[in-house]
């Protein structure tokens, strides 16, 4: 289980920068998947959505993160550009930490992510690269904004608590 103190150590600026890069790469992967992987998306894609649905239904944070990662890895694979996955791979441990904190604290987020995955896959299956790219980028950027806001709020609360402790120590 992820702890709140673990997430406080996340660097808000780094998270924002990381998600900006991820949005571009995921958008590219979705566009290329729609251009190169329509048939596989039709036959194999629904199984990835089912993994997400099952994870949301049983409430397992670990399974939700894993389903998200598998969905995006599938799109990367369909893109037939191995550099997309290789570029993001080193950052997945950090991304897992961020996702874990927000998924735990926002009860609507898992369902929203799942709905966005459905829309992205639909665009890929339709062979609409521009739509798939836009949906994927917006999916990542929207999530990034929520993650950054969440982390910033945690950081601000920690700073306030630290300031209050210091003030109490000085007054004694």
Foldseek 3Di string as FASTA:
>chain_A
DDDLVVLLPDDLVVLLVLLLVLLQLLLLLLLLLLQQPLVCLVVPVVVLLVQLVVCLVVVDLVSNLVSVVVLSVVSNVSSVPVVSCVVCVVCSVVVSNLSSVVCVVDNCVSVVLSVLSVQLSVCSNVSNSVSNSVSSSCSSNVVSVVSSVVSVVSNVVVVVVVVVVVVVVVVD
